[in-house]
Amino acid sequence: NIFGRLKFAIAFAVSMFVGAFIYNGFNNPSLYRSNNNGAKIALVSPPDLAPVRPNKSLFKWKCKDECNYYLFEIFDAEGKKVFSRVLRNNSLRNLGDLHLAKGKRYLWQVTAKYINGRAIKSRLNAFVAGE
């Protein structure tokens, strides 16, 4: 039946468009994540899914508001925290002697902490551990 096939083709095309829109919206590393009060954080580098060498890496982010300090965190693929550091500036030059399994995917996130107790989290970005 041609009408059944046509309805299926239209539904498939719409679902692909919506899926691509959602994927790009949530996986674009330059997007800011915002909460209800408008404060935003953008993860700048490394880009999503980039290879990262722990001793020669630069993690950088931008925040729309001035905050008291940042909490920088790395999680393994299962969501277990493997690294955490409190920072006053918006970058971390390297991860020191942190041992990450080569070729494994990790996630990083920054939380802006404010003097009034408010905390704003960035989105999670992924990277792949290199040599």
N, C-alpha and C. Protein backbone atom coordinates (compact mmCIF):
# COMPACT_ATOMS: atom_id res chain seq x y z
N ASN A 1 0.84 -1.16 0.00
CA ASN A 1 0.00 0.00 0.00
C ASN A 1 0.90 1.24 0.00
N ILE A 2 0.71 2.07 -0.98
CA ILE A 2 1.58 3.24 -1.17
C ILE A 2 1.39 4.30 -0.09
N PHE A 3 0.15 4.46 0.41
CA PHE A 3 -0.08 5.47 1.46
C PHE A 3 0.59 5.05 2.77
N GLY A 4 0.59 3.79 3.07
CA GLY A 4 1.27 3.30 4.27
C GLY A 4 2.76 3.54 4.19
N ARG A 5 3.33 3.28 3.01
CA ARG A 5 4.76 3.53 2.81
C ARG A 5 5.10 5.01 2.89
N LEU A 6 4.23 5.83 2.33
CA LEU A 6 4.44 7.28 2.35
C LEU A 6 4.38 7.80 3.79
N LYS A 7 3.40 7.34 4.57
CA LYS A 7 3.31 7.76 5.98
C LYS A 7 4.56 7.32 6.73
N PHE A 8 5.03 6.11 6.46
CA PHE A 8 6.24 5.62 7.13
C PHE A 8 7.45 6.47 6.74
N ALA A 9 7.59 6.81 5.46
CA ALA A 9 8.72 7.61 5.01
C ALA A 9 8.70 9.00 5.64
N ILE A 10 7.53 9.60 5.73
CA ILE A 10 7.42 10.93 6.35
C ILE A 10 7.75 10.85 7.83
N ALA A 11 7.21 9.85 8.52
CA ALA A 11 7.48 9.69 9.95
C ALA A 11 8.97 9.44 10.18
N PHE A 12 9.59 8.65 9.32
CA PHE A 12 11.02 8.37 9.46
C PHE A 12 11.84 9.64 9.25
N ALA A 13 11.50 10.42 8.22
CA ALA A 13 12.23 11.66 7.94
C ALA A 13 12.09 12.64 9.10
N VAL A 14 10.90 12.78 9.64
CA VAL A 14 10.68 13.68 10.77
C VAL A 14 11.47 13.21 11.99
N SER A 15 11.45 11.92 12.26
CA SER A 15 12.19 11.41 13.43
C SER A 15 13.70 11.59 13.25
N MET A 16 14.21 11.44 12.04
CA MET A 16 15.64 11.66 11.80
C MET A 16 15.99 13.14 12.00
N PHE A 17 15.14 14.03 11.52
CA PHE A 17 15.39 15.46 11.69
C PHE A 17 15.38 15.84 13.17
N VAL A 18 14.38 15.38 13.90
CA VAL A 18 14.29 15.69 15.33
C VAL A 18 15.47 15.07 16.08
N GLY A 19 15.82 13.84 15.74
CA GLY A 19 16.97 13.19 16.38
C GLY A 19 18.26 13.94 16.12
N ALA A 20 18.48 14.37 14.90
CA ALA A 20 19.69 15.13 14.57
C ALA A 20 19.71 16.47 15.31
N PHE A 21 18.57 17.12 15.40
CA PHE A 21 18.48 18.39 16.12
C PHE A 21 18.81 18.20 17.59
N ILE A 22 18.24 17.18 18.21
CA ILE A 22 18.50 16.91 19.62
C ILE A 22 19.96 16.53 19.82
N TYR A 23 20.50 15.66 18.97
CA TYR A 23 21.89 15.23 19.11
C TYR A 23 22.83 16.43 19.01
N ASN A 24 22.64 17.27 18.00
CA ASN A 24 23.51 18.44 17.83
C ASN A 24 23.34 19.42 18.97
N GLY A 25 22.14 19.57 19.48
CA GLY A 25 21.90 20.49 20.58
C GLY A 25 22.58 20.06 21.85
N PHE A 26 22.64 18.76 22.11
CA PHE A 26 23.22 18.29 23.36
C PHE A 26 24.67 17.86 23.22
N ASN A 27 25.19 17.78 22.02
CA ASN A 27 26.55 17.31 21.84
C ASN A 27 27.48 18.36 21.24
N ASN A 28 27.03 19.58 21.14
CA ASN A 28 27.88 20.65 20.64
C ASN A 28 28.70 21.20 21.80
N PRO A 29 30.03 21.02 21.79
CA PRO A 29 30.83 21.42 22.94
C PRO A 29 30.88 22.92 23.18
N SER A 30 30.45 23.72 22.22
CA SER A 30 30.51 25.16 22.43
C SER A 30 29.22 25.70 23.06
N LEU A 31 28.22 24.83 23.25
CA LEU A 31 26.97 25.31 23.82
C LEU A 31 27.11 25.55 25.32
N TYR A 32 26.41 26.55 25.78
CA TYR A 32 26.36 26.81 27.20
C TYR A 32 25.22 26.00 27.82
N ARG A 33 25.43 25.58 29.05
CA ARG A 33 24.34 24.98 29.79
C ARG A 33 23.89 26.03 30.80
N SER A 34 22.62 26.19 30.94
CA SER A 34 22.10 27.25 31.78
C SER A 34 21.08 26.69 32.75
N ASN A 35 20.96 27.32 33.90
CA ASN A 35 19.90 26.97 34.82
C ASN A 35 18.85 28.07 34.80
N ASN A 36 17.93 28.06 35.73
CA ASN A 36 16.82 29.01 35.71
C ASN A 36 17.25 30.46 35.87
N ASN A 37 18.37 30.72 36.54
CA ASN A 37 18.74 32.11 36.77
C ASN A 37 19.65 32.66 35.69
N GLY A 38 19.92 31.91 34.62
CA GLY A 38 20.63 32.44 33.47
C GLY A 38 22.14 32.32 33.50
N ALA A 39 22.73 31.87 34.60
CA ALA A 39 24.19 31.70 34.63
C ALA A 39 24.57 30.56 33.70
N LYS A 40 25.67 30.73 32.97
CA LYS A 40 26.01 29.75 31.95
C LYS A 40 27.50 29.44 31.95
N ILE A 41 27.82 28.20 31.59
CA ILE A 41 29.21 27.76 31.45
C ILE A 41 29.35 27.08 30.09
N ALA A 42 30.39 27.41 29.34
CA ALA A 42 30.69 26.75 28.07
C ALA A 42 32.03 26.05 28.19
N LEU A 43 32.08 24.78 27.83
CA LEU A 43 33.33 24.04 27.80
C LEU A 43 34.00 24.33 26.46
N VAL A 44 35.22 24.85 26.50
CA VAL A 44 35.90 25.33 25.30
C VAL A 44 36.86 24.29 24.73
N SER A 45 37.75 23.75 25.56
CA SER A 45 38.70 22.76 25.07
C SER A 45 39.06 21.79 26.18
N PRO A 46 39.30 20.54 25.84
CA PRO A 46 39.33 19.99 24.49
C PRO A 46 37.92 19.82 23.93
N PRO A 47 37.80 19.81 22.60
CA PRO A 47 36.48 19.59 22.01
C PRO A 47 35.98 18.19 22.34
N ASP A 48 34.68 18.02 22.24
CA ASP A 48 34.06 16.74 22.57
C ASP A 48 34.69 15.60 21.77
N LEU A 49 35.03 14.52 22.46
CA LEU A 49 35.61 13.28 21.92
C LEU A 49 37.04 13.44 21.40
N ALA A 50 37.71 14.51 21.77
CA ALA A 50 39.10 14.73 21.34
C ALA A 50 40.04 13.82 22.13
N PRO A 51 41.17 13.43 21.53
CA PRO A 51 42.18 12.69 22.29
C PRO A 51 42.90 13.63 23.25
N VAL A 52 43.17 13.16 24.46
CA VAL A 52 43.80 13.99 25.49
C VAL A 52 44.95 13.22 26.12
N ARG A 53 46.10 13.87 26.20
CA ARG A 53 47.24 13.31 26.93
C ARG A 53 47.25 13.96 28.31
N PRO A 54 47.07 13.16 29.38
CA PRO A 54 46.91 13.73 30.72
C PRO A 54 48.02 14.70 31.14
N ASN A 55 49.26 14.46 30.75
CA ASN A 55 50.35 15.32 31.19
C ASN A 55 50.59 16.50 30.24
N LYS A 56 49.87 16.57 29.13
CA LYS A 56 50.03 17.66 28.16
C LYS A 56 48.67 18.11 27.65
N SER A 57 47.79 18.41 28.56
CA SER A 57 46.43 18.77 28.17
C SER A 57 46.09 20.18 28.65
N LEU A 58 45.10 20.77 28.01
CA LEU A 58 44.58 22.05 28.44
C LEU A 58 43.06 21.95 28.45
N PHE A 59 42.49 22.01 29.62
CA PHE A 59 41.04 22.06 29.77
C PHE A 59 40.68 23.52 30.03
N LYS A 60 39.73 24.04 29.25
CA LYS A 60 39.39 25.46 29.35
C LYS A 60 37.89 25.62 29.20
N TRP A 61 37.34 26.59 29.92
CA TRP A 61 35.91 26.85 29.88
C TRP A 61 35.68 28.35 30.06
N LYS A 62 34.46 28.78 29.71
CA LYS A 62 34.05 30.17 29.89
C LYS A 62 32.78 30.18 30.73
N CYS A 63 32.70 31.17 31.60
CA CYS A 63 31.52 31.34 32.45
C CYS A 63 30.98 32.74 32.24
N LYS A 64 29.67 32.86 32.08
CA LYS A 64 29.04 34.16 31.86
C LYS A 64 29.07 35.04 33.12
N ASP A 65 29.05 34.42 34.29
CA ASP A 65 29.06 35.17 35.56
C ASP A 65 30.37 34.96 36.28
N GLU A 66 30.76 35.91 37.11
CA GLU A 66 31.92 35.72 37.97
C GLU A 66 31.51 34.85 39.14
N CYS A 67 32.33 33.88 39.44
CA CYS A 67 32.02 33.00 40.56
C CYS A 67 33.18 33.01 41.55
N ASN A 68 32.97 32.38 42.68
CA ASN A 68 33.98 32.32 43.73
C ASN A 68 35.10 31.35 43.35
N TYR A 69 34.72 30.17 42.86
CA TYR A 69 35.70 29.18 42.40
C TYR A 69 35.01 28.15 41.52
N TYR A 70 35.82 27.32 40.88
CA TYR A 70 35.32 26.25 40.02
C TYR A 70 35.71 24.90 40.60
N LEU A 71 34.84 23.93 40.40
CA LEU A 71 35.15 22.53 40.71
C LEU A 71 35.27 21.81 39.38
N PHE A 72 36.47 21.33 39.06
CA PHE A 72 36.75 20.61 37.82
C PHE A 72 36.75 19.12 38.16
N GLU A 73 35.99 18.31 37.39
CA GLU A 73 35.88 16.88 37.67
C GLU A 73 36.00 16.06 36.40
N ILE A 74 36.59 14.87 36.54
CA ILE A 74 36.66 13.87 35.47
C ILE A 74 36.02 12.59 35.99
N PHE A 75 35.20 11.97 35.12
CA PHE A 75 34.51 10.73 35.46
C PHE A 75 34.87 9.67 34.43
N ASP A 76 34.88 8.41 34.86
CA ASP A 76 35.07 7.33 33.89
C ASP A 76 33.75 7.06 33.18
N ALA A 77 33.75 6.09 32.27
CA ALA A 77 32.56 5.81 31.45
C ALA A 77 31.37 5.35 32.29
N GLU A 78 31.63 4.82 33.48
CA GLU A 78 30.56 4.36 34.36
C GLU A 78 30.06 5.47 35.28
N GLY A 79 30.67 6.65 35.22
CA GLY A 79 30.24 7.76 36.04
C GLY A 79 30.97 7.90 37.37
N LYS A 80 31.99 7.09 37.59
CA LYS A 80 32.78 7.17 38.82
C LYS A 80 33.78 8.32 38.70
N LYS A 81 33.84 9.17 39.73
CA LYS A 81 34.76 10.30 39.73
C LYS A 81 36.19 9.77 39.87
N VAL A 82 37.08 10.18 38.93
CA VAL A 82 38.48 9.74 38.96
C VAL A 82 39.44 10.90 39.22
N PHE A 83 38.93 12.13 39.14
CA PHE A 83 39.79 13.30 39.35
C PHE A 83 38.91 14.48 39.74
N SER A 84 39.41 15.29 40.66
CA SER A 84 38.68 16.47 41.09
C SER A 84 39.67 17.52 41.56
N ARG A 85 39.42 18.77 41.18
CA ARG A 85 40.31 19.85 41.63
C ARG A 85 39.51 21.14 41.73
N VAL A 86 39.75 21.89 42.79
CA VAL A 86 39.15 23.21 42.97
C VAL A 86 40.09 24.24 42.38
N LEU A 87 39.54 25.14 41.56
CA LEU A 87 40.35 26.13 40.85
C LEU A 87 39.72 27.51 40.95
N ARG A 88 40.56 28.52 40.94
CA ARG A 88 40.07 29.90 40.92
C ARG A 88 39.98 30.45 39.49
N ASN A 89 40.77 29.89 38.57
CA ASN A 89 40.74 30.36 37.18
C ASN A 89 39.93 29.40 36.31
N ASN A 90 39.77 29.74 35.05
CA ASN A 90 38.90 28.97 34.16
C ASN A 90 39.66 28.02 33.24
N SER A 91 40.76 27.45 33.73
CA SER A 91 41.49 26.47 32.94
C SER A 91 42.34 25.58 33.84
N LEU A 92 42.69 24.45 33.30
CA LEU A 92 43.60 23.51 33.97
C LEU A 92 44.60 23.05 32.93
N ARG A 93 45.88 23.30 33.18
CA ARG A 93 46.93 23.06 32.19
C ARG A 93 47.18 21.57 31.96
N ASN A 94 47.32 20.77 33.02
CA ASN A 94 47.50 19.33 32.83
C ASN A 94 46.96 18.59 34.04
N LEU A 95 46.87 17.29 33.92
CA LEU A 95 46.27 16.47 34.97
C LEU A 95 47.32 15.82 35.85
N GLY A 96 48.56 16.28 35.73
CA GLY A 96 49.62 15.74 36.58
C GLY A 96 49.89 14.28 36.31
N ASP A 97 49.98 13.51 37.38
CA ASP A 97 50.30 12.09 37.24
C ASP A 97 49.06 11.19 37.21
N LEU A 98 47.92 11.75 36.86
CA LEU A 98 46.70 10.96 36.75
C LEU A 98 46.87 9.91 35.66
N HIS A 99 46.61 8.66 35.99
CA HIS A 99 46.75 7.56 35.02
C HIS A 99 45.38 7.21 34.45
N LEU A 100 45.22 7.47 33.17
CA LEU A 100 43.99 7.14 32.46
C LEU A 100 44.29 6.04 31.46
N ALA A 101 43.37 5.12 31.32
CA ALA A 101 43.56 4.00 30.40
C ALA A 101 43.50 4.50 28.95
N LYS A 102 44.56 4.26 28.22
CA LYS A 102 44.66 4.72 26.83
C LYS A 102 43.51 4.14 26.00
N GLY A 103 42.89 5.02 25.22
CA GLY A 103 41.79 4.61 24.34
C GLY A 103 40.43 4.59 25.02
N LYS A 104 40.38 4.78 26.32
CA LYS A 104 39.10 4.78 27.05
C LYS A 104 38.48 6.17 27.02
N ARG A 105 37.17 6.19 27.07
CA ARG A 105 36.43 7.45 27.07
C ARG A 105 36.20 7.91 28.51
N TYR A 106 36.41 9.21 28.74
CA TYR A 106 36.17 9.84 30.03
C TYR A 106 35.31 11.07 29.81
N LEU A 107 34.68 11.54 30.88
CA LEU A 107 33.83 12.72 30.83
C LEU A 107 34.39 13.78 31.75
N TRP A 108 34.26 15.04 31.37
CA TRP A 108 34.68 16.13 32.25
C TRP A 108 33.56 17.14 32.38
N GLN A 109 33.57 17.79 33.55
CA GLN A 109 32.52 18.75 33.87
C GLN A 109 33.09 19.81 34.81
N VAL A 110 32.55 21.00 34.71
CA VAL A 110 32.95 22.10 35.58
C VAL A 110 31.71 22.61 36.31
N THR A 111 31.87 22.84 37.60
CA THR A 111 30.81 23.44 38.40
C THR A 111 31.30 24.78 38.92
N ALA A 112 30.56 25.84 38.61
CA ALA A 112 30.87 27.17 39.13
C ALA A 112 30.22 27.29 40.50
N LYS A 113 31.01 27.66 41.51
CA LYS A 113 30.50 27.80 42.88
C LYS A 113 30.51 29.29 43.24
N TYR A 114 29.40 29.75 43.78
CA TYR A 114 29.23 31.16 44.10
C TYR A 114 29.23 31.38 45.61
N ILE A 115 29.57 32.58 46.01
CA ILE A 115 29.68 32.91 47.43
C ILE A 115 28.35 32.74 48.16
N ASN A 116 27.23 32.90 47.46
CA ASN A 116 25.92 32.76 48.08
C ASN A 116 25.46 31.30 48.18
N GLY A 117 26.34 30.36 47.80
CA GLY A 117 26.01 28.94 47.88
C GLY A 117 25.47 28.34 46.60
N ARG A 118 25.18 29.18 45.64
CA ARG A 118 24.66 28.71 44.36
C ARG A 118 25.74 27.95 43.60
N ALA A 119 25.36 26.92 42.87
CA ALA A 119 26.29 26.14 42.06
C ALA A 119 25.66 25.89 40.70
N ILE A 120 26.44 26.11 39.64
CA ILE A 120 25.98 25.90 38.26
C ILE A 120 26.91 24.89 37.60
N LYS A 121 26.33 23.81 37.08
CA LYS A 121 27.13 22.79 36.41
C LYS A 121 27.13 23.00 34.90
N SER A 122 28.27 22.71 34.29
CA SER A 122 28.34 22.70 32.83
C SER A 122 27.76 21.39 32.34
N ARG A 123 27.69 21.25 31.04
CA ARG A 123 27.33 19.95 30.46
C ARG A 123 28.52 19.02 30.62
N LEU A 124 28.34 17.76 30.39
CA LEU A 124 29.43 16.79 30.38
C LEU A 124 30.00 16.71 28.97
N ASN A 125 31.31 16.80 28.85
CA ASN A 125 32.00 16.58 27.57
C ASN A 125 32.83 15.33 27.69
N ALA A 126 32.97 14.62 26.59
CA ALA A 126 33.76 13.39 26.58
C ALA A 126 35.13 13.66 25.96
N PHE A 127 36.11 12.89 26.37
CA PHE A 127 37.41 12.86 25.71
C PHE A 127 37.94 11.45 25.77
N VAL A 128 38.91 11.17 24.90
CA VAL A 128 39.52 9.84 24.85
C VAL A 128 40.95 9.98 25.32
N ALA A 129 41.32 9.15 26.29
CA ALA A 129 42.67 9.21 26.85
C ALA A 129 43.69 8.76 25.81
N GLY A 130 44.70 9.59 25.60
CA GLY A 130 45.79 9.26 24.68
C GLY A 130 47.00 8.80 25.44
N GLU A 131 48.15 8.87 24.80
CA GLU A 131 49.41 8.39 25.40
C GLU A 131 49.86 9.30 26.52
